[in-house]
N, C-alpha and C. Protein backbone atom coordinates (compact mmCIF):
# COMPACT_ATOMS: atom_id res chain seq x y z
N GLY A 1 50.15 -16.47 0.73
CA GLY A 1 49.70 -15.19 1.22
C GLY A 1 48.85 -14.46 0.19
N GLY A 2 49.29 -14.53 -1.09
CA GLY A 2 48.56 -13.86 -2.16
C GLY A 2 47.19 -14.45 -2.37
N ILE A 3 47.10 -15.77 -2.23
CA ILE A 3 45.81 -16.45 -2.38
C ILE A 3 44.87 -16.02 -1.26
N ALA A 4 45.36 -15.91 -0.05
CA ALA A 4 44.54 -15.49 1.09
C ALA A 4 44.03 -14.07 0.89
N ILE A 5 44.89 -13.19 0.38
CA ILE A 5 44.47 -11.80 0.13
C ILE A 5 43.43 -11.76 -0.99
N ALA A 6 43.63 -12.58 -2.02
CA ALA A 6 42.68 -12.61 -3.14
C ALA A 6 41.31 -13.07 -2.65
N PHE A 7 41.25 -14.10 -1.81
CA PHE A 7 39.96 -14.55 -1.27
C PHE A 7 39.32 -13.49 -0.38
N ALA A 8 40.14 -12.80 0.40
CA ALA A 8 39.62 -11.75 1.29
C ALA A 8 39.08 -10.58 0.49
N ALA A 9 39.71 -10.27 -0.64
CA ALA A 9 39.29 -9.12 -1.46
C ALA A 9 38.14 -9.46 -2.39
N GLN A 10 37.80 -10.72 -2.50
CA GLN A 10 36.76 -11.16 -3.42
C GLN A 10 35.42 -10.47 -3.13
N ASN A 11 34.99 -10.39 -1.88
CA ASN A 11 33.73 -9.73 -1.52
C ASN A 11 33.77 -8.24 -1.83
N THR A 12 34.91 -7.62 -1.56
CA THR A 12 35.04 -6.19 -1.83
C THR A 12 34.92 -5.91 -3.32
N VAL A 13 35.59 -6.70 -4.13
CA VAL A 13 35.53 -6.53 -5.58
C VAL A 13 34.10 -6.77 -6.08
N ALA A 14 33.43 -7.80 -5.55
CA ALA A 14 32.06 -8.10 -5.94
C ALA A 14 31.14 -6.93 -5.59
N ASN A 15 31.34 -6.32 -4.42
CA ASN A 15 30.52 -5.17 -4.02
C ASN A 15 30.79 -3.95 -4.90
N VAL A 16 32.03 -3.75 -5.29
CA VAL A 16 32.37 -2.63 -6.18
C VAL A 16 31.66 -2.80 -7.52
N PHE A 17 31.73 -4.01 -8.09
CA PHE A 17 31.04 -4.25 -9.35
C PHE A 17 29.52 -4.16 -9.18
N GLY A 18 29.01 -4.59 -8.02
CA GLY A 18 27.58 -4.45 -7.73
C GLY A 18 27.17 -2.99 -7.68
N THR A 19 27.99 -2.16 -7.05
CA THR A 19 27.71 -0.72 -6.97
C THR A 19 27.71 -0.10 -8.36
N ILE A 20 28.68 -0.44 -9.17
CA ILE A 20 28.76 0.09 -10.54
C ILE A 20 27.52 -0.32 -11.33
N THR A 21 27.11 -1.58 -11.18
CA THR A 21 25.92 -2.07 -11.87
C THR A 21 24.67 -1.29 -11.45
N ILE A 22 24.52 -1.07 -10.15
CA ILE A 22 23.36 -0.32 -9.63
C ILE A 22 23.37 1.10 -10.17
N LEU A 23 24.52 1.74 -10.16
CA LEU A 23 24.60 3.13 -10.61
C LEU A 23 24.39 3.26 -12.12
N LEU A 24 24.82 2.28 -12.89
CA LEU A 24 24.64 2.34 -14.34
C LEU A 24 23.22 1.95 -14.76
N ASP A 25 22.69 0.87 -14.19
CA ASP A 25 21.35 0.40 -14.56
C ASP A 25 20.24 1.22 -13.91
N MET A 26 20.50 1.77 -12.76
CA MET A 26 19.53 2.56 -11.98
C MET A 26 18.18 1.85 -11.83
N PRO A 27 18.17 0.63 -11.26
CA PRO A 27 16.89 -0.06 -11.06
C PRO A 27 16.04 0.60 -9.98
N PHE A 28 16.66 1.47 -9.18
CA PHE A 28 15.95 2.22 -8.15
C PHE A 28 16.78 3.44 -7.79
N ARG A 29 16.12 4.37 -7.11
CA ARG A 29 16.77 5.59 -6.65
C ARG A 29 16.50 5.77 -5.16
N ILE A 30 17.21 6.65 -4.54
CA ILE A 30 16.94 6.98 -3.14
C ILE A 30 15.52 7.53 -3.06
N GLY A 31 14.74 6.99 -2.13
CA GLY A 31 13.35 7.39 -1.97
C GLY A 31 12.36 6.42 -2.57
N ASN A 32 12.83 5.51 -3.46
CA ASN A 32 11.95 4.49 -4.03
C ASN A 32 11.65 3.42 -3.00
N LYS A 33 10.45 2.85 -3.12
CA LYS A 33 10.09 1.70 -2.29
C LYS A 33 10.39 0.46 -3.11
N ILE A 34 11.23 -0.43 -2.55
CA ILE A 34 11.62 -1.63 -3.29
C ILE A 34 11.43 -2.88 -2.43
N ARG A 35 11.41 -4.02 -3.11
CA ARG A 35 11.38 -5.33 -2.44
C ARG A 35 12.49 -6.16 -3.07
N ILE A 36 13.36 -6.69 -2.20
CA ILE A 36 14.47 -7.51 -2.67
C ILE A 36 14.81 -8.55 -1.61
N ASN A 37 14.87 -9.79 -2.01
CA ASN A 37 15.23 -10.90 -1.11
C ASN A 37 14.45 -10.88 0.21
N GLY A 38 13.17 -10.60 0.15
CA GLY A 38 12.34 -10.61 1.35
C GLY A 38 12.35 -9.32 2.14
N ALA A 39 13.24 -8.40 1.81
CA ALA A 39 13.27 -7.10 2.49
C ALA A 39 12.48 -6.11 1.65
N GLU A 40 11.60 -5.35 2.30
CA GLU A 40 10.81 -4.35 1.60
C GLU A 40 10.87 -3.05 2.37
N GLY A 41 11.11 -1.97 1.65
CA GLY A 41 11.17 -0.67 2.30
C GLY A 41 11.61 0.42 1.35
N VAL A 42 11.91 1.56 1.93
CA VAL A 42 12.31 2.74 1.16
C VAL A 42 13.84 2.83 1.16
N VAL A 43 14.40 3.03 -0.03
CA VAL A 43 15.86 3.15 -0.17
C VAL A 43 16.29 4.47 0.46
N GLU A 44 17.17 4.37 1.46
CA GLU A 44 17.67 5.58 2.12
C GLU A 44 19.07 5.94 1.67
N GLY A 45 19.80 4.97 1.15
CA GLY A 45 21.15 5.28 0.71
C GLY A 45 21.73 4.17 -0.15
N ILE A 46 22.57 4.57 -1.09
CA ILE A 46 23.29 3.62 -1.92
C ILE A 46 24.77 3.90 -1.70
N GLY A 47 25.41 3.01 -0.96
CA GLY A 47 26.81 3.22 -0.61
C GLY A 47 27.75 2.44 -1.50
N PHE A 48 29.02 2.55 -1.18
CA PHE A 48 30.07 1.86 -1.94
C PHE A 48 29.96 0.34 -1.76
N ARG A 49 29.59 -0.09 -0.55
CA ARG A 49 29.53 -1.51 -0.25
C ARG A 49 28.11 -2.06 -0.19
N SER A 50 27.14 -1.23 0.25
CA SER A 50 25.78 -1.74 0.45
C SER A 50 24.73 -0.66 0.19
N THR A 51 23.48 -1.12 0.11
CA THR A 51 22.33 -0.24 -0.04
C THR A 51 21.50 -0.35 1.24
N GLN A 52 21.05 0.80 1.74
CA GLN A 52 20.29 0.84 2.98
C GLN A 52 18.80 0.99 2.68
N ILE A 53 17.99 0.12 3.28
CA ILE A 53 16.54 0.13 3.07
C ILE A 53 15.87 0.28 4.43
N ARG A 54 14.97 1.26 4.56
CA ARG A 54 14.19 1.48 5.78
C ARG A 54 12.89 0.70 5.64
N THR A 55 12.66 -0.26 6.52
CA THR A 55 11.48 -1.12 6.44
C THR A 55 10.27 -0.46 7.11
N ALA A 56 9.11 -1.09 6.97
CA ALA A 56 7.87 -0.57 7.57
C ALA A 56 7.95 -0.59 9.09
N THR A 57 8.78 -1.46 9.65
CA THR A 57 8.94 -1.50 11.11
C THR A 57 10.03 -0.56 11.58
N ASN A 58 10.49 0.31 10.67
CA ASN A 58 11.48 1.36 10.95
C ASN A 58 12.88 0.81 11.22
N THR A 59 13.14 -0.41 10.80
CA THR A 59 14.51 -0.93 10.90
C THR A 59 15.25 -0.57 9.63
N LEU A 60 16.57 -0.50 9.74
CA LEU A 60 17.41 -0.19 8.60
C LEU A 60 18.13 -1.46 8.19
N VAL A 61 17.87 -1.92 6.97
CA VAL A 61 18.47 -3.15 6.45
C VAL A 61 19.58 -2.77 5.47
N PHE A 62 20.74 -3.36 5.65
CA PHE A 62 21.87 -3.14 4.75
C PHE A 62 22.01 -4.38 3.88
N ILE A 63 21.89 -4.21 2.57
CA ILE A 63 22.03 -5.33 1.64
C ILE A 63 23.27 -5.08 0.80
N PRO A 64 24.21 -6.04 0.80
CA PRO A 64 25.42 -5.86 -0.02
C PRO A 64 25.06 -5.64 -1.49
N ASN A 65 25.74 -4.72 -2.12
CA ASN A 65 25.47 -4.40 -3.52
C ASN A 65 25.72 -5.59 -4.44
N SER A 66 26.63 -6.47 -4.05
CA SER A 66 26.86 -7.67 -4.87
C SER A 66 25.63 -8.57 -4.86
N VAL A 67 24.92 -8.63 -3.75
CA VAL A 67 23.69 -9.41 -3.66
C VAL A 67 22.60 -8.75 -4.51
N ILE A 68 22.48 -7.43 -4.41
CA ILE A 68 21.46 -6.71 -5.18
C ILE A 68 21.68 -6.88 -6.68
N ALA A 69 22.94 -6.82 -7.11
CA ALA A 69 23.25 -6.94 -8.55
C ALA A 69 22.85 -8.30 -9.10
N ASN A 70 22.75 -9.30 -8.24
CA ASN A 70 22.41 -10.66 -8.68
C ASN A 70 21.02 -11.10 -8.24
N SER A 71 20.17 -10.14 -7.86
CA SER A 71 18.83 -10.47 -7.36
C SER A 71 17.75 -9.80 -8.19
N GLN A 72 16.54 -10.35 -8.06
CA GLN A 72 15.38 -9.71 -8.67
C GLN A 72 14.98 -8.54 -7.77
N ILE A 73 14.78 -7.39 -8.38
CA ILE A 73 14.42 -6.18 -7.64
C ILE A 73 13.01 -5.78 -8.06
N ASP A 74 12.11 -5.67 -7.10
CA ASP A 74 10.77 -5.16 -7.37
C ASP A 74 10.75 -3.70 -6.94
N ASN A 75 10.69 -2.79 -7.92
CA ASN A 75 10.61 -1.36 -7.61
C ASN A 75 9.13 -1.01 -7.49
N LEU A 76 8.65 -0.95 -6.26
CA LEU A 76 7.23 -0.72 -5.99
C LEU A 76 6.83 0.73 -6.26
N SER A 77 7.79 1.61 -6.40
CA SER A 77 7.49 3.00 -6.71
C SER A 77 7.19 3.19 -8.19
N GLU A 78 7.45 2.19 -8.98
CA GLU A 78 7.27 2.29 -10.43
C GLU A 78 6.00 1.59 -10.90
N ILE A 79 4.96 1.59 -10.08
CA ILE A 79 3.71 0.93 -10.46
C ILE A 79 2.67 1.96 -10.89
N ASN A 80 3.14 3.07 -11.42
CA ASN A 80 2.29 4.14 -11.93
C ASN A 80 1.38 4.74 -10.87
N SER A 81 1.74 4.56 -9.62
CA SER A 81 1.01 5.17 -8.50
C SER A 81 -0.47 4.85 -8.51
N VAL A 82 -0.84 3.64 -8.91
CA VAL A 82 -2.24 3.21 -8.86
C VAL A 82 -2.42 2.36 -7.62
N TYR A 83 -3.40 2.72 -6.81
CA TYR A 83 -3.67 2.03 -5.55
C TYR A 83 -5.11 1.54 -5.53
N ARG A 84 -5.37 0.61 -4.64
CA ARG A 84 -6.70 0.03 -4.52
C ARG A 84 -7.25 0.33 -3.13
N PHE A 85 -8.50 0.75 -3.09
CA PHE A 85 -9.22 0.98 -1.83
C PHE A 85 -10.35 -0.03 -1.78
N ARG A 86 -10.46 -0.72 -0.66
CA ARG A 86 -11.57 -1.67 -0.49
C ARG A 86 -11.90 -1.76 0.98
N THR A 87 -13.17 -1.62 1.28
CA THR A 87 -13.63 -1.79 2.65
C THR A 87 -15.06 -2.33 2.63
N VAL A 88 -15.40 -3.06 3.66
CA VAL A 88 -16.77 -3.55 3.85
C VAL A 88 -17.28 -2.93 5.13
N ILE A 89 -18.41 -2.26 5.03
CA ILE A 89 -18.97 -1.56 6.19
C ILE A 89 -20.22 -2.31 6.66
N PRO A 90 -20.19 -2.83 7.90
CA PRO A 90 -21.37 -3.52 8.43
C PRO A 90 -22.31 -2.51 9.11
N PHE A 91 -23.56 -2.52 8.66
CA PHE A 91 -24.57 -1.64 9.26
C PHE A 91 -25.53 -2.45 10.11
N ASN A 92 -26.15 -1.74 11.04
CA ASN A 92 -27.14 -2.33 11.92
C ASN A 92 -28.27 -2.96 11.10
N LEU A 93 -28.81 -4.07 11.58
CA LEU A 93 -29.90 -4.75 10.87
C LEU A 93 -31.16 -3.90 10.76
N ASN A 94 -31.30 -2.89 11.62
CA ASN A 94 -32.46 -1.99 11.56
C ASN A 94 -32.33 -0.92 10.48
N SER A 95 -31.21 -0.91 9.78
CA SER A 95 -31.00 0.09 8.72
C SER A 95 -32.06 -0.09 7.64
N LYS A 96 -32.63 1.02 7.22
CA LYS A 96 -33.66 0.99 6.18
C LYS A 96 -33.01 0.92 4.80
N SER A 97 -33.69 0.21 3.90
CA SER A 97 -33.17 0.04 2.53
C SER A 97 -32.97 1.38 1.84
N ASN A 98 -33.90 2.32 2.03
CA ASN A 98 -33.75 3.62 1.36
C ASN A 98 -32.52 4.37 1.89
N GLN A 99 -32.18 4.19 3.17
CA GLN A 99 -30.97 4.81 3.71
C GLN A 99 -29.72 4.19 3.09
N LEU A 100 -29.73 2.86 2.97
CA LEU A 100 -28.58 2.17 2.38
C LEU A 100 -28.41 2.57 0.91
N GLN A 101 -29.53 2.66 0.19
CA GLN A 101 -29.48 3.06 -1.21
C GLN A 101 -28.95 4.49 -1.35
N LYS A 102 -29.42 5.38 -0.48
CA LYS A 102 -28.95 6.77 -0.52
C LYS A 102 -27.45 6.82 -0.23
N PHE A 103 -27.01 6.04 0.73
CA PHE A 103 -25.59 5.99 1.07
C PHE A 103 -24.76 5.52 -0.12
N THR A 104 -25.16 4.40 -0.74
CA THR A 104 -24.37 3.89 -1.88
C THR A 104 -24.36 4.89 -3.04
N ASP A 105 -25.51 5.52 -3.30
CA ASP A 105 -25.58 6.51 -4.39
C ASP A 105 -24.66 7.70 -4.12
N GLU A 106 -24.67 8.19 -2.88
CA GLU A 106 -23.85 9.37 -2.56
C GLU A 106 -22.36 9.05 -2.58
N ILE A 107 -21.99 7.87 -2.13
CA ILE A 107 -20.57 7.49 -2.16
C ILE A 107 -20.11 7.33 -3.61
N LYS A 108 -20.94 6.70 -4.45
CA LYS A 108 -20.60 6.58 -5.88
C LYS A 108 -20.40 7.96 -6.49
N TYR A 109 -21.32 8.88 -6.19
CA TYR A 109 -21.24 10.23 -6.74
C TYR A 109 -19.95 10.92 -6.27
N LEU A 110 -19.66 10.82 -4.99
CA LEU A 110 -18.45 11.42 -4.43
C LEU A 110 -17.20 10.89 -5.15
N LEU A 111 -17.13 9.59 -5.32
CA LEU A 111 -15.96 8.99 -5.95
C LEU A 111 -15.82 9.40 -7.41
N LYS A 112 -16.93 9.49 -8.11
CA LYS A 112 -16.86 9.83 -9.54
C LYS A 112 -16.52 11.31 -9.76
N GLN A 113 -16.65 12.12 -8.72
CA GLN A 113 -16.28 13.53 -8.82
C GLN A 113 -14.79 13.76 -8.59
N ASP A 114 -14.11 12.79 -8.00
CA ASP A 114 -12.70 12.92 -7.67
C ASP A 114 -11.85 12.55 -8.88
N SER A 115 -11.03 13.46 -9.34
CA SER A 115 -10.22 13.23 -10.54
C SER A 115 -9.14 12.17 -10.31
N ARG A 116 -8.81 11.88 -9.05
CA ARG A 116 -7.79 10.87 -8.76
C ARG A 116 -8.34 9.45 -8.87
N VAL A 117 -9.67 9.32 -8.76
CA VAL A 117 -10.30 8.00 -8.80
C VAL A 117 -10.49 7.57 -10.25
N ILE A 118 -10.14 6.32 -10.54
CA ILE A 118 -10.32 5.76 -11.88
C ILE A 118 -11.79 5.39 -12.00
N ASP A 119 -12.49 6.14 -12.85
CA ASP A 119 -13.95 6.11 -12.94
C ASP A 119 -14.54 4.71 -13.10
N ASN A 120 -14.01 3.93 -14.03
CA ASN A 120 -14.61 2.62 -14.30
C ASN A 120 -14.26 1.57 -13.24
N SER A 121 -13.50 1.94 -12.21
CA SER A 121 -13.16 0.99 -11.14
C SER A 121 -14.08 1.12 -9.93
N VAL A 122 -14.95 2.13 -9.93
CA VAL A 122 -15.81 2.40 -8.77
C VAL A 122 -16.90 1.35 -8.66
N SER A 123 -17.00 0.74 -7.49
CA SER A 123 -18.03 -0.24 -7.21
C SER A 123 -18.47 -0.08 -5.76
N VAL A 124 -19.73 0.33 -5.57
CA VAL A 124 -20.30 0.50 -4.23
C VAL A 124 -21.63 -0.24 -4.25
N PHE A 125 -21.78 -1.23 -3.38
CA PHE A 125 -22.98 -2.05 -3.47
C PHE A 125 -23.32 -2.73 -2.14
N PHE A 126 -24.59 -3.10 -2.01
CA PHE A 126 -25.10 -3.86 -0.87
C PHE A 126 -24.60 -5.29 -1.10
N SER A 127 -23.60 -5.71 -0.35
CA SER A 127 -22.90 -6.95 -0.66
C SER A 127 -23.29 -8.17 0.15
N ASP A 128 -23.91 -7.95 1.31
CA ASP A 128 -24.21 -9.11 2.14
C ASP A 128 -25.28 -8.76 3.17
N LEU A 129 -26.14 -9.72 3.40
CA LEU A 129 -27.16 -9.61 4.44
C LEU A 129 -26.95 -10.82 5.34
N SER A 130 -26.41 -10.58 6.52
CA SER A 130 -26.12 -11.69 7.42
C SER A 130 -27.05 -11.63 8.63
N THR A 131 -26.88 -12.54 9.53
CA THR A 131 -27.71 -12.54 10.74
C THR A 131 -27.32 -11.41 11.68
N ASN A 132 -26.16 -10.80 11.44
CA ASN A 132 -25.69 -9.74 12.32
C ASN A 132 -25.68 -8.35 11.69
N SER A 133 -25.63 -8.27 10.36
CA SER A 133 -25.47 -6.95 9.75
C SER A 133 -25.92 -6.94 8.30
N LYS A 134 -26.06 -5.70 7.80
CA LYS A 134 -26.25 -5.44 6.37
C LYS A 134 -24.95 -4.78 5.92
N ASN A 135 -24.29 -5.39 4.94
CA ASN A 135 -22.96 -4.94 4.57
C ASN A 135 -22.94 -4.22 3.23
N ILE A 136 -22.21 -3.12 3.20
CA ILE A 136 -21.97 -2.37 1.97
C ILE A 136 -20.48 -2.47 1.67
N THR A 137 -20.15 -2.84 0.43
CA THR A 137 -18.75 -2.91 0.00
C THR A 137 -18.44 -1.68 -0.86
N ILE A 138 -17.30 -1.07 -0.58
CA ILE A 138 -16.82 0.07 -1.36
C ILE A 138 -15.44 -0.31 -1.88
N GLN A 139 -15.29 -0.25 -3.20
CA GLN A 139 -13.97 -0.54 -3.77
C GLN A 139 -13.75 0.31 -5.01
N PHE A 140 -12.51 0.74 -5.17
CA PHE A 140 -12.13 1.53 -6.33
C PHE A 140 -10.62 1.62 -6.40
N GLN A 141 -10.13 2.08 -7.54
CA GLN A 141 -8.70 2.32 -7.72
C GLN A 141 -8.49 3.82 -7.90
N TYR A 142 -7.33 4.28 -7.50
CA TYR A 142 -7.02 5.70 -7.63
C TYR A 142 -5.54 5.90 -7.90
N LYS A 143 -5.24 7.06 -8.47
CA LYS A 143 -3.86 7.42 -8.79
C LYS A 143 -3.45 8.58 -7.89
N LEU A 144 -2.23 8.50 -7.43
CA LEU A 144 -1.65 9.61 -6.66
C LEU A 144 -0.45 10.13 -7.42
N THR A 145 -0.54 11.35 -7.86
CA THR A 145 0.58 11.95 -8.60
C THR A 145 1.04 13.25 -7.96
N ASP A 146 0.34 13.67 -6.90
CA ASP A 146 0.66 14.96 -6.30
C ASP A 146 1.53 14.86 -5.05
N GLY A 147 2.12 13.70 -4.80
CA GLY A 147 2.98 13.53 -3.64
C GLY A 147 2.24 13.09 -2.39
N SER A 148 0.92 12.93 -2.47
CA SER A 148 0.15 12.45 -1.32
C SER A 148 0.55 11.02 -1.02
N SER A 149 0.39 10.64 0.24
CA SER A 149 0.67 9.25 0.58
C SER A 149 -0.62 8.44 0.50
N GLU A 150 -0.45 7.15 0.28
CA GLU A 150 -1.60 6.25 0.18
C GLU A 150 -2.43 6.29 1.46
N SER A 151 -1.75 6.27 2.61
CA SER A 151 -2.48 6.24 3.88
C SER A 151 -3.25 7.54 4.13
N SER A 152 -2.70 8.69 3.76
CA SER A 152 -3.44 9.94 3.98
C SER A 152 -4.63 10.05 3.05
N PHE A 153 -4.50 9.53 1.81
CA PHE A 153 -5.63 9.54 0.88
C PHE A 153 -6.75 8.64 1.42
N GLN A 154 -6.40 7.45 1.86
CA GLN A 154 -7.41 6.53 2.38
C GLN A 154 -8.06 7.10 3.64
N GLU A 155 -7.27 7.75 4.48
CA GLU A 155 -7.83 8.36 5.69
C GLU A 155 -8.88 9.41 5.33
N GLN A 156 -8.60 10.23 4.32
CA GLN A 156 -9.57 11.24 3.87
C GLN A 156 -10.88 10.58 3.48
N TYR A 157 -10.80 9.48 2.74
CA TYR A 157 -12.02 8.80 2.31
C TYR A 157 -12.77 8.16 3.48
N PHE A 158 -12.06 7.63 4.44
CA PHE A 158 -12.76 7.07 5.60
C PHE A 158 -13.50 8.17 6.37
N TYR A 159 -12.89 9.35 6.49
CA TYR A 159 -13.59 10.47 7.13
C TYR A 159 -14.84 10.87 6.34
N GLU A 160 -14.71 10.94 5.00
CA GLU A 160 -15.86 11.28 4.16
C GLU A 160 -16.97 10.25 4.30
N ILE A 161 -16.60 8.99 4.26
CA ILE A 161 -17.58 7.90 4.41
C ILE A 161 -18.27 8.01 5.75
N ASP A 162 -17.51 8.24 6.80
CA ASP A 162 -18.10 8.36 8.14
C ASP A 162 -19.06 9.54 8.22
N ARG A 163 -18.72 10.67 7.59
CA ARG A 163 -19.63 11.82 7.57
C ARG A 163 -20.95 11.47 6.87
N PHE A 164 -20.85 10.78 5.73
CA PHE A 164 -22.07 10.36 5.02
C PHE A 164 -22.93 9.46 5.90
N ILE A 165 -22.30 8.54 6.59
CA ILE A 165 -23.03 7.61 7.46
C ILE A 165 -23.78 8.39 8.54
N GLN A 166 -23.11 9.33 9.15
CA GLN A 166 -23.75 10.14 10.21
C GLN A 166 -24.86 11.01 9.64
N ASN A 167 -24.65 11.65 8.49
CA ASN A 167 -25.65 12.53 7.88
C ASN A 167 -26.92 11.78 7.48
N ILE A 168 -26.76 10.56 7.02
CA ILE A 168 -27.92 9.78 6.57
C ILE A 168 -28.65 9.14 7.76
N GLY A 169 -27.96 9.02 8.88
CA GLY A 169 -28.59 8.44 10.07
C GLY A 169 -28.40 6.94 10.18
N LEU A 170 -27.41 6.40 9.46
CA LEU A 170 -27.11 4.98 9.57
C LEU A 170 -26.23 4.73 10.79
N HIS A 171 -26.21 3.47 11.23
CA HIS A 171 -25.40 3.10 12.40
C HIS A 171 -24.61 1.84 12.08
N TYR A 172 -23.35 1.86 12.49
CA TYR A 172 -22.50 0.69 12.31
C TYR A 172 -23.03 -0.46 13.14
N GLN A 173 -22.78 -1.66 12.67
CA GLN A 173 -23.07 -2.84 13.47
C GLN A 173 -21.79 -3.19 14.21
N ILE A 174 -21.84 -3.14 15.50
CA ILE A 174 -20.67 -3.46 16.32
C ILE A 174 -20.59 -4.98 16.42
N PRO A 175 -19.44 -5.58 16.06
CA PRO A 175 -19.32 -7.04 16.17
C PRO A 175 -19.50 -7.48 17.61
N GLN A 176 -20.26 -8.55 17.78
CA GLN A 176 -20.48 -9.07 19.12
C GLN A 176 -19.27 -9.90 19.53
N ALA A 177 -18.85 -9.70 20.77
CA ALA A 177 -17.70 -10.44 21.28
C ALA A 177 -18.09 -11.90 21.47
N ASN A 178 -17.14 -12.77 21.25
CA ASN A 178 -17.37 -14.18 21.46
C ASN A 178 -17.33 -14.44 22.96
N LEU A 179 -18.46 -14.71 23.55
CA LEU A 179 -18.55 -14.87 24.99
C LEU A 179 -18.36 -16.33 25.43
N ALA A 180 -18.15 -17.23 24.52
CA ALA A 180 -17.95 -18.63 24.89
C ALA A 180 -16.64 -18.79 25.63
N LEU A 181 -16.69 -19.47 26.73
CA LEU A 181 -15.46 -19.68 27.52
C LEU A 181 -14.99 -21.11 27.41
């Protein structure tokens, strides 16, 4: 009977030691975004038996603390809040070179004026001339320290880029649908 109870209590004891390890080492806190054993999300709670992680698909994953104590933990919130923005914008083939040049110059200027953008990471250039479009690539890195989210920051830049495109008189190249049946 004692052996059966000892085996049954083994997981509980392992979880208790896992919880103590998490609380002492503090590899993450509530609100941090972490990746562990294939699960990635925001830590919503650290309990006696398990840690709760809210995933991008809004599911709640419970990972036993004993598993966490013996796993590699990637704390994605501890990457100094540096993010990367990259997009390729296809323009109509009728776009004039001076319009494209003005667009790249103005976007570079806009980015270099933003204190959140890492100055030496800014790259805006005419990247490709295809049979369907003239492409401009915009890429840079930025830091968020004011509590803004990555998606809201990127959304702001897409709106700014779109305003520049409209003001200069450029037009997007709409991808042609594959009509082959």
